C-alpha atoms as a PDB file:
ATOM      1  CA  MET A   1      -3.450   4.854  18.067  1.00  0.00           C
ATOM      2  CA  ILE A   2      -5.496   1.916  16.767  1.00  0.00           C
ATOM      3  CA  PRO A   3      -9.279   2.173  17.372  1.00  0.00           C
ATOM      4  CA  GLU A   4     -10.777  -0.615  19.492  1.00  0.00           C
ATOM      5  CA  SER A   5     -12.934  -1.799  16.571  1.00  0.00           C
ATOM      6  CA  GLN A   6      -9.770  -2.334  14.526  1.00  0.00           C
ATOM      7  CA  ARG A   7      -8.091  -4.196  17.399  1.00  0.00           C
ATOM      8  CA  ARG A   8     -11.021  -6.602  17.667  1.00  0.00           C
ATOM      9  CA  ARG A   9     -11.042  -7.131  13.903  1.00  0.00           C
ATOM     10  CA  LYS A  10      -7.328  -7.959  13.964  1.00  0.00           C
ATOM     11  CA  GLN A  11      -7.890 -10.594  16.659  1.00  0.00           C
ATOM     12  CA  LYS A  12     -10.535 -12.508  14.698  1.00  0.00           C
ATOM     13  CA  GLY A  13      -8.009 -14.584  12.780  1.00  0.00           C
ATOM     14  CA  SER A  14      -5.468 -14.535   9.977  1.00  0.00           C
ATOM     15  CA  GLY A  15      -7.709 -15.677   7.135  1.00  0.00           C
ATOM     16  CA  VAL A  16      -8.701 -12.131   6.186  1.00  0.00           C
ATOM     17  CA  GLY A  17      -6.050  -9.764   4.854  1.00  0.00           C
ATOM     18  CA  LEU A  18      -5.231  -6.288   6.062  1.00  0.00           C
ATOM     19  CA  ILE A  19      -5.407  -3.160   3.923  1.00  0.00           C
ATOM     20  CA  ILE A  20      -2.729  -0.455   3.758  1.00  0.00           C
ATOM     21  CA  ASN A  21      -3.516   2.938   2.273  1.00  0.00           C
ATOM     22  CA  PRO A  22      -0.733   5.550   2.065  1.00  0.00           C
ATOM     23  CA  ARG A  23      -2.174   9.058   1.720  1.00  0.00           C
ATOM     24  CA  GLY A  24      -0.808  12.461   0.920  1.00  0.00           C
ATOM     25  CA  THR A  25      -0.812  15.313  -1.541  1.00  0.00           C
ATOM     26  CA  ASN A  26       0.455  15.054  -5.094  1.00  0.00           C
ATOM     27  CA  GLY A  27       4.226  14.870  -4.862  1.00  0.00           C
ATOM     28  CA  SER A  28       4.231  13.462  -1.315  1.00  0.00           C
ATOM     29  CA  GLY A  29       5.698  10.125  -2.418  1.00  0.00           C
ATOM     30  CA  LYS A  30       2.700   7.765  -2.565  1.00  0.00           C
ATOM     31  CA  THR A  31       3.691   6.195  -5.872  1.00  0.00           C
ATOM     32  CA  GLU A  32       7.326   5.828  -4.820  1.00  0.00           C
ATOM     33  CA  PHE A  33       6.103   4.225  -1.585  1.00  0.00           C
ATOM     34  CA  VAL A  34       4.241   1.532  -3.507  1.00  0.00           C
ATOM     35  CA  ARG A  35       7.150   0.973  -5.893  1.00  0.00           C
ATOM     36  CA  ARG A  36       9.380   0.258  -2.874  1.00  0.00           C
ATOM     37  CA  ILE A  37       6.940  -2.355  -1.593  1.00  0.00           C
ATOM     38  CA  LEU A  38       6.643  -3.889  -5.071  1.00  0.00           C
ATOM     39  CA  ALA A  39      10.442  -4.208  -5.103  1.00  0.00           C
ATOM     40  CA  ASP A  40      10.365  -5.886  -1.671  1.00  0.00           C
ATOM     41  CA  TYR A  41       8.015  -8.510  -3.124  1.00  0.00           C
ATOM     42  CA  GLY A  42      10.320  -9.078  -6.081  1.00  0.00           C
ATOM     43  CA  TRP A  43       8.023  -7.612  -8.705  1.00  0.00           C
ATOM     44  CA  GLY A  44       9.548  -8.151 -12.125  1.00  0.00           C
ATOM     45  CA  GLU A  45      10.833 -11.631 -11.356  1.00  0.00           C
ATOM     46  CA  SER A  46       9.061 -14.184 -13.543  1.00  0.00           C
ATOM     47  CA  ASP A  47       7.726 -16.374 -10.729  1.00  0.00           C
ATOM     48  CA  ARG A  48       6.948 -13.767  -8.060  1.00  0.00           C
ATOM     49  CA  GLY A  49       3.680 -12.275  -9.231  1.00  0.00           C
ATOM     50  CA  GLU A  50       1.238 -11.580 -11.992  1.00  0.00           C
ATOM     51  CA  PRO A  51      -0.703  -8.629 -13.364  1.00  0.00           C
ATOM     52  CA  ILE A  52      -4.473  -8.651 -12.885  1.00  0.00           C
ATOM     53  CA  HIS A  53      -6.019  -7.977 -16.272  1.00  0.00           C
ATOM     54  CA  ARG A  54      -9.553  -7.044 -17.228  1.00  0.00           C
ATOM     55  CA  VAL A  55     -11.230  -7.414 -20.600  1.00  0.00           C
ATOM     56  CA  GLY A  56     -11.276  -4.106 -22.481  1.00  0.00           C
ATOM     57  CA  ARG A  57      -8.505  -2.556 -20.395  1.00  0.00           C
ATOM     58  CA  GLY A  58      -5.004  -2.339 -21.864  1.00  0.00           C
ATOM     59  CA  ARG A  59      -3.041  -1.915 -18.622  1.00  0.00           C
ATOM     60  CA  PRO A  60      -3.408  -4.092 -15.510  1.00  0.00           C
ATOM     61  CA  ILE A  61      -6.006  -3.092 -12.937  1.00  0.00           C
ATOM     62  CA  GLY A  62      -3.672  -4.431 -10.272  1.00  0.00           C
ATOM     63  CA  TYR A  63      -0.899  -6.877  -9.401  1.00  0.00           C
ATOM     64  CA  ARG A  64      -0.901 -10.012  -7.273  1.00  0.00           C
ATOM     65  CA  LEU A  65       2.392 -11.004  -5.661  1.00  0.00           C
ATOM     66  CA  ARG A  66       3.700 -13.902  -3.616  1.00  0.00           C
ATOM     67  CA  HIS A  67       5.073 -13.034  -0.188  1.00  0.00           C
ATOM     68  CA  PRO A  68       8.883 -13.458  -0.007  1.00  0.00           C
ATOM     69  CA  LEU A  69       8.520 -15.427   3.251  1.00  0.00           C
ATOM     70  CA  GLY A  70       5.447 -17.475   2.315  1.00  0.00           C
ATOM     71  CA  ARG A  71       2.858 -15.407   4.156  1.00  0.00           C
ATOM     72  CA  ARG A  72      -0.278 -13.823   2.754  1.00  0.00           C
ATOM     73  CA  PRO A  73       0.045 -12.693  -0.865  1.00  0.00           C
ATOM     74  CA  LEU A  74      -0.294  -9.013  -1.678  1.00  0.00           C
ATOM     75  CA  VAL A  75      -2.605  -7.309  -4.165  1.00  0.00           C
ATOM     76  CA  VAL A  76      -1.635  -3.813  -5.324  1.00  0.00           C
ATOM     77  CA  LEU A  77      -4.452  -1.933  -7.054  1.00  0.00           C
ATOM     78  CA  GLY A  78      -4.034   0.242 -10.129  1.00  0.00           C
ATOM     79  CA  HIS A  79      -1.066   0.010 -12.462  1.00  0.00           C
ATOM     80  CA  TYR A  80       2.449   1.454 -12.140  1.00  0.00           C
ATOM     81  CA  GLU A  81       3.556   1.523 -15.760  1.00  0.00           C
ATOM     82  CA  ARG A  82       3.877   5.298 -15.854  1.00  0.00           C
ATOM     83  CA  ILE A  83       5.435   7.945 -13.576  1.00  0.00           C
ATOM     84  CA  SER A  84       2.316   8.328 -11.421  1.00  0.00           C
ATOM     85  CA  GLY A  85       0.192   5.246 -10.863  1.00  0.00           C
ATOM     86  CA  GLY A  86      -2.228   3.698  -8.405  1.00  0.00           C
ATOM     87  CA  CYS A  87      -5.986   4.014  -8.252  1.00  0.00           C
ATOM     88  CA  ASP A  88      -5.906   7.213 -10.301  1.00  0.00           C
ATOM     89  CA  THR A  89      -5.265   4.883 -13.263  1.00  0.00           C
ATOM     90  CA  ILE A  90      -8.649   3.192 -12.717  1.00  0.00           C
ATOM     91  CA  SER A  91     -10.820   5.366 -14.929  1.00  0.00           C
ATOM     92  CA  ALA A  92     -14.529   6.075 -14.611  1.00  0.00           C
ATOM     93  CA  LYS A  93     -15.019   3.621 -17.475  1.00  0.00           C
ATOM     94  CA  ASP A  94     -13.531   0.891 -15.265  1.00  0.00           C
ATOM     95  CA  GLY A  95     -15.524   1.930 -12.210  1.00  0.00           C
ATOM     96  CA  GLY A  96     -13.255   4.593 -10.689  1.00  0.00           C
ATOM     97  CA  LEU A  97     -12.997   4.799  -6.907  1.00  0.00           C
ATOM     98  CA  ASP A  98     -16.079   2.621  -6.401  1.00  0.00           C
ATOM     99  CA  GLU A  99     -14.331  -0.205  -8.223  1.00  0.00           C
ATOM    100  CA  ALA A 100     -11.062   0.359  -6.350  1.00  0.00           C
ATOM    101  CA  PHE A 101     -12.819  -0.026  -3.005  1.00  0.00           C
ATOM    102  CA  ARG A 102     -14.836  -2.991  -4.220  1.00  0.00           C
ATOM    103  CA  LEU A 103     -11.653  -4.753  -5.289  1.00  0.00           C
ATOM    104  CA  ALA A 104      -9.902  -3.929  -1.997  1.00  0.00           C
ATOM    105  CA  ASP A 105     -12.843  -5.420  -0.095  1.00  0.00           C
ATOM    106  CA  ALA A 106     -13.002  -8.545  -2.284  1.00  0.00           C
ATOM    107  CA  TRP A 107      -9.282  -9.323  -2.223  1.00  0.00           C
ATOM    108  CA  ALA A 108      -8.941  -8.755   1.533  1.00  0.00           C
ATOM    109  CA  ALA A 109     -11.941 -11.016   2.156  1.00  0.00           C
ATOM    110  CA  ALA A 110     -10.235 -13.666  -0.011  1.00  0.00           C
ATOM    111  CA  GLY A 111      -7.181 -13.707   2.290  1.00  0.00           C
ATOM    112  CA  HIS A 112      -4.878 -11.246   0.547  1.00  0.00           C
ATOM    113  CA  ASP A 113      -3.215  -8.173   1.976  1.00  0.00           C
ATOM    114  CA  VAL A 114      -4.080  -5.110  -0.106  1.00  0.00           C
ATOM    115  CA  LEU A 115      -2.087  -1.959  -0.877  1.00  0.00           C
ATOM    116  CA  PHE A 116      -3.756   0.918  -2.687  1.00  0.00           C
ATOM    117  CA  GLU A 117      -3.295   4.658  -3.062  1.00  0.00           C
ATOM    118  CA  GLY A 118      -4.281   7.579  -5.219  1.00  0.00           C
ATOM    119  CA  SER A 119      -4.656  11.331  -5.321  1.00  0.00           C
ATOM    120  CA  THR A 120      -8.462  11.354  -5.248  1.00  0.00           C
ATOM    121  CA  LEU A 121      -8.520   8.466  -2.796  1.00  0.00           C
ATOM    122  CA  SER A 122      -6.386  10.454  -0.323  1.00  0.00           C
ATOM    123  CA  ALA A 123      -9.235  12.896   0.348  1.00  0.00           C
ATOM    124  CA  GLU A 124     -11.982  10.242   0.482  1.00  0.00           C
ATOM    125  CA  HIS A 125     -13.627   9.154   3.739  1.00  0.00           C
ATOM    126  CA  GLU A 126     -17.090   7.607   3.198  1.00  0.00           C
ATOM    127  CA  ARG A 127     -16.000   4.494   1.281  1.00  0.00           C
ATOM    128  CA  SER A 128     -12.950   4.238   3.540  1.00  0.00           C
ATOM    129  CA  ALA A 129     -15.129   4.200   6.659  1.00  0.00           C
ATOM    130  CA  SER A 130     -17.257   1.418   5.191  1.00  0.00           C
ATOM    131  CA  LEU A 131     -14.126  -0.566   4.337  1.00  0.00           C
ATOM    132  CA  ALA A 132     -12.720  -0.068   7.855  1.00  0.00           C
ATOM    133  CA  HIS A 133     -15.872  -1.563   9.349  1.00  0.00           C
ATOM    134  CA  ARG A 134     -15.179  -4.815   7.466  1.00  0.00           C
ATOM    135  CA  HIS A 135     -11.378  -5.040   7.450  1.00  0.00           C
ATOM    136  CA  THR A 136      -8.270  -3.918   9.299  1.00  0.00           C
ATOM    137  CA  LEU A 137      -7.433  -0.659   7.528  1.00  0.00           C
ATOM    138  CA  HIS A 138      -4.154   1.180   8.121  1.00  0.00           C
ATOM    139  CA  ILE A 139      -4.035   4.695   6.691  1.00  0.00           C
ATOM    140  CA  LEU A 140      -0.489   6.034   6.483  1.00  0.00           C
ATOM    141  CA  CYS A 141      -0.545   9.834   6.192  1.00  0.00           C
ATOM    142  CA  LEU A 142       2.765  10.886   4.650  1.00  0.00           C
ATOM    143  CA  ALA A 143       4.085  13.964   6.446  1.00  0.00           C
ATOM    144  CA  THR A 144       5.925  15.321   3.424  1.00  0.00           C
ATOM    145  CA  PRO A 145       6.281  19.123   3.781  1.00  0.00           C
ATOM    146  CA  PRO A 146       4.130  20.931   1.186  1.00  0.00           C
ATOM    147  CA  GLY A 147       7.174  22.783  -0.149  1.00  0.00           C
ATOM    148  CA  GLN A 148       8.998  19.529  -0.801  1.00  0.00           C
ATOM    149  CA  ALA A 149       5.908  17.989  -2.406  1.00  0.00           C
ATOM    150  CA  ALA A 150       5.630  21.022  -4.709  1.00  0.00           C
ATOM    151  CA  ARG A 151       9.294  20.749  -5.700  1.00  0.00           C
ATOM    152  CA  ASN A 152       8.789  17.049  -6.405  1.00  0.00           C
ATOM    153  CA  LEU A 153       5.863  17.896  -8.677  1.00  0.00           C
ATOM    154  CA  VAL A 154       7.758  20.572 -10.575  1.00  0.00           C
ATOM    155  CA  ALA A 155      10.616  18.129 -11.169  1.00  0.00           C
ATOM    156  CA  ARG A 156       8.301  15.288 -12.152  1.00  0.00           C
ATOM    157  CA  ARG A 157       6.268  17.387 -14.553  1.00  0.00           C
ATOM    158  CA  ARG A 158       9.381  19.162 -15.875  1.00  0.00           C
ATOM    159  CA  THR A 159       7.629  22.495 -15.583  1.00  0.00           C
ATOM    160  CA  ARG A 160       9.335  25.866 -15.285  1.00  0.00           C
ATOM    161  CA  ARG A 161      10.788  26.763 -11.920  1.00  0.00           C
ATOM    162  CA  ASP A 162       8.711  29.935 -11.771  1.00  0.00           C
ATOM    163  CA  SER A 163       5.589  27.728 -11.697  1.00  0.00           C
ATOM    164  CA  TRP A 164       6.533  26.574  -8.184  1.00  0.00           C
ATOM    165  CA  PRO A 165       4.371  29.161  -6.270  1.00  0.00           C
ATOM    166  CA  LEU A 166       1.246  28.107  -8.176  1.00  0.00           C
ATOM    167  CA  VAL A 167       2.001  24.418  -7.674  1.00  0.00           C
ATOM    168  CA  ALA A 168       2.692  25.041  -3.970  1.00  0.00           C
ATOM    169  CA  ARG A 169      -0.703  26.727  -3.479  1.00  0.00           C
ATOM    170  CA  GLY A 170      -2.401  23.737  -5.078  1.00  0.00           C
ATOM    171  CA  VAL A 171      -0.529  21.345  -2.776  1.00  0.00           C
ATOM    172  CA  VAL A 172      -1.533  23.335   0.326  1.00  0.00           C
ATOM    173  CA  ALA A 173      -5.198  23.268  -0.734  1.00  0.00           C
ATOM    174  CA  GLN A 174      -5.020  19.536  -1.364  1.00  0.00           C
ATOM    175  CA  LEU A 175      -3.330  18.974   2.002  1.00  0.00           C
ATOM    176  CA  GLY A 176      -6.324  20.491   3.765  1.00  0.00           C
ATOM    177  CA  ALA A 177      -8.685  18.013   2.093  1.00  0.00           C
ATOM    178  CA  VAL A 178      -6.413  15.065   2.912  1.00  0.00           C
ATOM    179  CA  GLU A 179      -6.088  16.079   6.560  1.00  0.00           C
ATOM    180  CA  ALA A 180      -9.853  16.563   6.894  1.00  0.00           C
ATOM    181  CA  ALA A 181     -10.538  13.065   5.535  1.00  0.00           C
ATOM    182  CA  CYS A 182      -7.937  11.486   7.826  1.00  0.00           C
ATOM    183  CA  HIS A 183      -9.390  13.332  10.831  1.00  0.00           C
ATOM    184  CA  ARG A 184     -12.836  11.883  10.114  1.00  0.00           C
ATOM    185  CA  LEU A 185     -11.390   8.386   9.828  1.00  0.00           C
ATOM    186  CA  ARG A 186      -9.382   8.379  13.073  1.00  0.00           C
ATOM    187  CA  PRO A 187     -12.194   6.891  15.225  1.00  0.00           C
ATOM    188  CA  ILE A 188     -12.752   4.085  12.692  1.00  0.00           C
ATOM    189  CA  ALA A 189      -9.437   3.167  11.052  1.00  0.00           C
ATOM    190  CA  ALA A 190      -5.821   2.985  12.234  1.00  0.00           C
ATOM    191  CA  VAL A 191      -4.553   6.378  11.062  1.00  0.00           C
ATOM    192  CA  HIS A 192      -0.814   7.049  11.354  1.00  0.00           C
ATOM    193  CA  ASP A 193       0.951  10.386  10.735  1.00  0.00           C
ATOM    194  CA  LEU A 194       4.471   9.443   9.631  1.00  0.00           C
ATOM    195  CA  THR A 195       7.423  10.547   7.575  1.00  0.00           C
ATOM    196  CA  PHE A 196       7.945   8.657   4.316  1.00  0.00           C
ATOM    197  CA  ASP A 197      10.676   6.452   5.819  1.00  0.00           C
ATOM    198  CA  ASP A 198       8.723   5.657   8.995  1.00  0.00           C
ATOM    199  CA  ALA A 199       5.585   4.877   6.996  1.00  0.00           C
ATOM    200  CA  LEU A 200       7.588   2.502   4.816  1.00  0.00           C
ATOM    201  CA  CYS A 201       9.031   0.799   7.904  1.00  0.00           C
ATOM    202  CA  LEU A 202       5.567   0.358   9.410  1.00  0.00           C
ATOM    203  CA  ALA A 203       4.129  -1.021   6.166  1.00  0.00           C
ATOM    204  CA  ARG A 204       6.962  -3.552   5.892  1.00  0.00           C
ATOM    205  CA  ASP A 205       6.324  -4.708   9.458  1.00  0.00           C
ATOM    206  CA  LEU A 206       2.569  -4.953   8.937  1.00  0.00           C
ATOM    207  CA  LEU A 207       3.186  -7.069   5.842  1.00  0.00           C
ATOM    208  CA  GLY A 208       5.664  -9.339   7.620  1.00  0.00           C
ATOM    209  CA  LEU A 209       8.731  -8.036   5.789  1.00  0.00           C
ATOM    210  CA  GLY A 210      10.646  -6.725   8.824  1.00  0.00           C
ATOM    211  CA  PRO A 211      13.778  -8.296  10.332  1.00  0.00           C
ATOM    212  CA  ALA A 212      11.850 -10.210  13.008  1.00  0.00           C
ATOM    213  CA  ALA A 213       9.842 -12.002  10.321  1.00  0.00           C
ATOM    214  CA  ALA A 214      13.009 -12.823   8.414  1.00  0.00           C
ATOM    215  CA  ALA A 215      14.682 -14.164  11.578  1.00  0.00           C
ATOM    216  CA  THR A 216      11.674 -16.390  12.260  1.00  0.00           C
ATOM    217  CA  GLU A 217      11.881 -17.900   8.797  1.00  0.00           C
ATOM    218  CA  LEU A 218      15.636 -18.377   9.043  1.00  0.00           C
ATOM    219  CA  SER A 219      15.198 -20.333  12.274  1.00  0.00           C
ATOM    220  CA  GLY A 220      12.816 -22.666  10.446  1.00  0.00           C
ATOM    221  CA  SER A 221      13.117 -24.421   7.126  1.00  0.00           C
ATOM    222  CA  VAL A 222      14.266 -21.601   4.841  1.00  0.00           C
ATOM    223  CA  HIS A 223      17.982 -21.609   4.025  1.00  0.00           C
ATOM    224  CA  PRO A 224      19.653 -18.159   4.194  1.00  0.00           C
ATOM    225  CA  GLY A 225      20.837 -18.433   0.596  1.00  0.00           C
ATOM    226  CA  GLY A 226      17.343 -19.287  -0.583  1.00  0.00           C
ATOM    227  CA  LEU A 227      15.895 -16.396   1.416  1.00  0.00           C
ATOM    228  CA  ALA A 228      18.331 -13.954  -0.176  1.00  0.00           C
ATOM    229  CA  ARG A 229      17.384 -15.195  -3.630  1.00  0.00           C
ATOM    230  CA  MET A 230      13.663 -14.915  -2.858  1.00  0.00           C
ATOM    231  CA  THR A 231      13.914 -11.358  -1.518  1.00  0.00           C
ATOM    232  CA  GLY A 232      16.546  -9.964  -3.852  1.00  0.00           C
ATOM    233  CA  GLY A 233      19.183  -9.856  -1.125  1.00  0.00           C
ATOM    234  CA  ALA A 234      19.347  -8.677   2.462  1.00  0.00           C
ATOM    235  CA  ALA A 235      18.729  -5.040   1.543  1.00  0.00           C
ATOM    236  CA  SER A 236      15.108  -5.708   0.597  1.00  0.00           C
ATOM    237  CA  LEU A 237      14.401  -6.944   4.122  1.00  0.00           C
ATOM    238  CA  ALA A 238      15.123  -3.439   5.453  1.00  0.00           C
ATOM    239  CA  PRO A 239      17.545  -4.430   8.275  1.00  0.00           C
ATOM    240  CA  HIS A 240      17.171  -0.966   9.862  1.00  0.00           C
ATOM    241  CA  VAL A 241      13.456  -1.495  10.482  1.00  0.00           C
ATOM    242  CA  ARG A 242      12.304  -2.073  14.022  1.00  0.00           C
ATOM    243  CA  CYS A 243       9.550  -4.649  14.354  1.00  0.00           C
ATOM    244  CA  LEU A 244       6.395  -2.694  15.116  1.00  0.00           C
ATOM    245  CA  VAL A 245       4.010  -5.579  14.454  1.00  0.00           C
ATOM    246  CA  PRO A 246       5.736  -8.875  15.407  1.00  0.00           C
ATOM    247  CA  ASP A 247       3.051 -11.144  13.980  1.00  0.00           C
ATOM    248  CA  ALA A 248       1.420 -10.113  10.706  1.00  0.00           C
ATOM    249  CA  GLY A 249      -0.246 -13.486  10.130  1.00  0.00           C
ATOM    250  CA  HIS A 250       0.699 -16.701   8.375  1.00  0.00           C
ATOM    251  CA  CYS A 251      -2.201 -17.392   6.033  1.00  0.00           C
ATOM    252  CA  ARG A 252      -1.031 -18.913   2.742  1.00  0.00           C
ATOM    253  CA  THR A 253      -3.162 -18.333  -0.317  1.00  0.00           C
ATOM    254  CA  ASP A 254      -2.742 -19.907  -3.738  1.00  0.00           C
ATOM    255  CA  LEU A 255      -1.957 -17.172  -6.230  1.00  0.00           C
ATOM    256  CA  ASP A 256      -3.622 -19.252  -8.912  1.00  0.00           C
ATOM    257  CA  ALA A 257      -6.968 -18.991  -7.139  1.00  0.00           C
ATOM    258  CA  GLN A 258      -9.799 -17.442  -9.107  1.00  0.00           C
ATOM    259  CA  ASP A 259     -10.120 -13.661  -9.042  1.00  0.00           C
ATOM    260  CA  PRO A 260     -12.648 -12.885  -6.265  1.00  0.00           C
ATOM    261  CA  ALA A 261     -13.945  -9.984  -8.319  1.00  0.00           C
END
């Protein structure tokens, strides 16, 4: 259910971007979720996007990507040059969570869609509530079973199998904090409880990557062959996705514009 305040904010126009925030415990799939979206936008192709650098920081503080169908560009916060990424890579030296939320606010106000996630961020609610008052904020709570999340962590960290019970207890404790934060945000933001696959489908529709968006472009001036080249082939358009949000906005923004931060 989308709160009325978020509905009104969505109706104000397409010049301001929306913000998507997948949440969950460690091992729930947040980083993989973002990597899938990065792939949809063609990250890694020379002309599709650019890292956002900051003086004194070796890794990017984010990425800015052109939309495959010419809609609003996307900014992904944090870097993904290691196994676990996102806003947890924005250290206290770089401003930590305060800086992550400031950047999300600035980029959305500048007409970009924003995608950001992190372990600490998943249990946060005060900054999130403030952000939801200014922008359309979709919080996607990943319903990954704690046992599966724990197994994912053990595999990712390459720890001993007998460490699983300890890891599982930590995941359960973290899940409580995540659920409490999401509960507090339900009256303010659009909070969705979804499986990984359903959350990914919703995010793609919100960002205008679903099949309905592709069909609209194909009926216009984009040639099917050109569309396939832009999106890396039909698979990246997720043909199995149902269109949950038919119109995600058509605001074009020059990726060469000055960093709003």
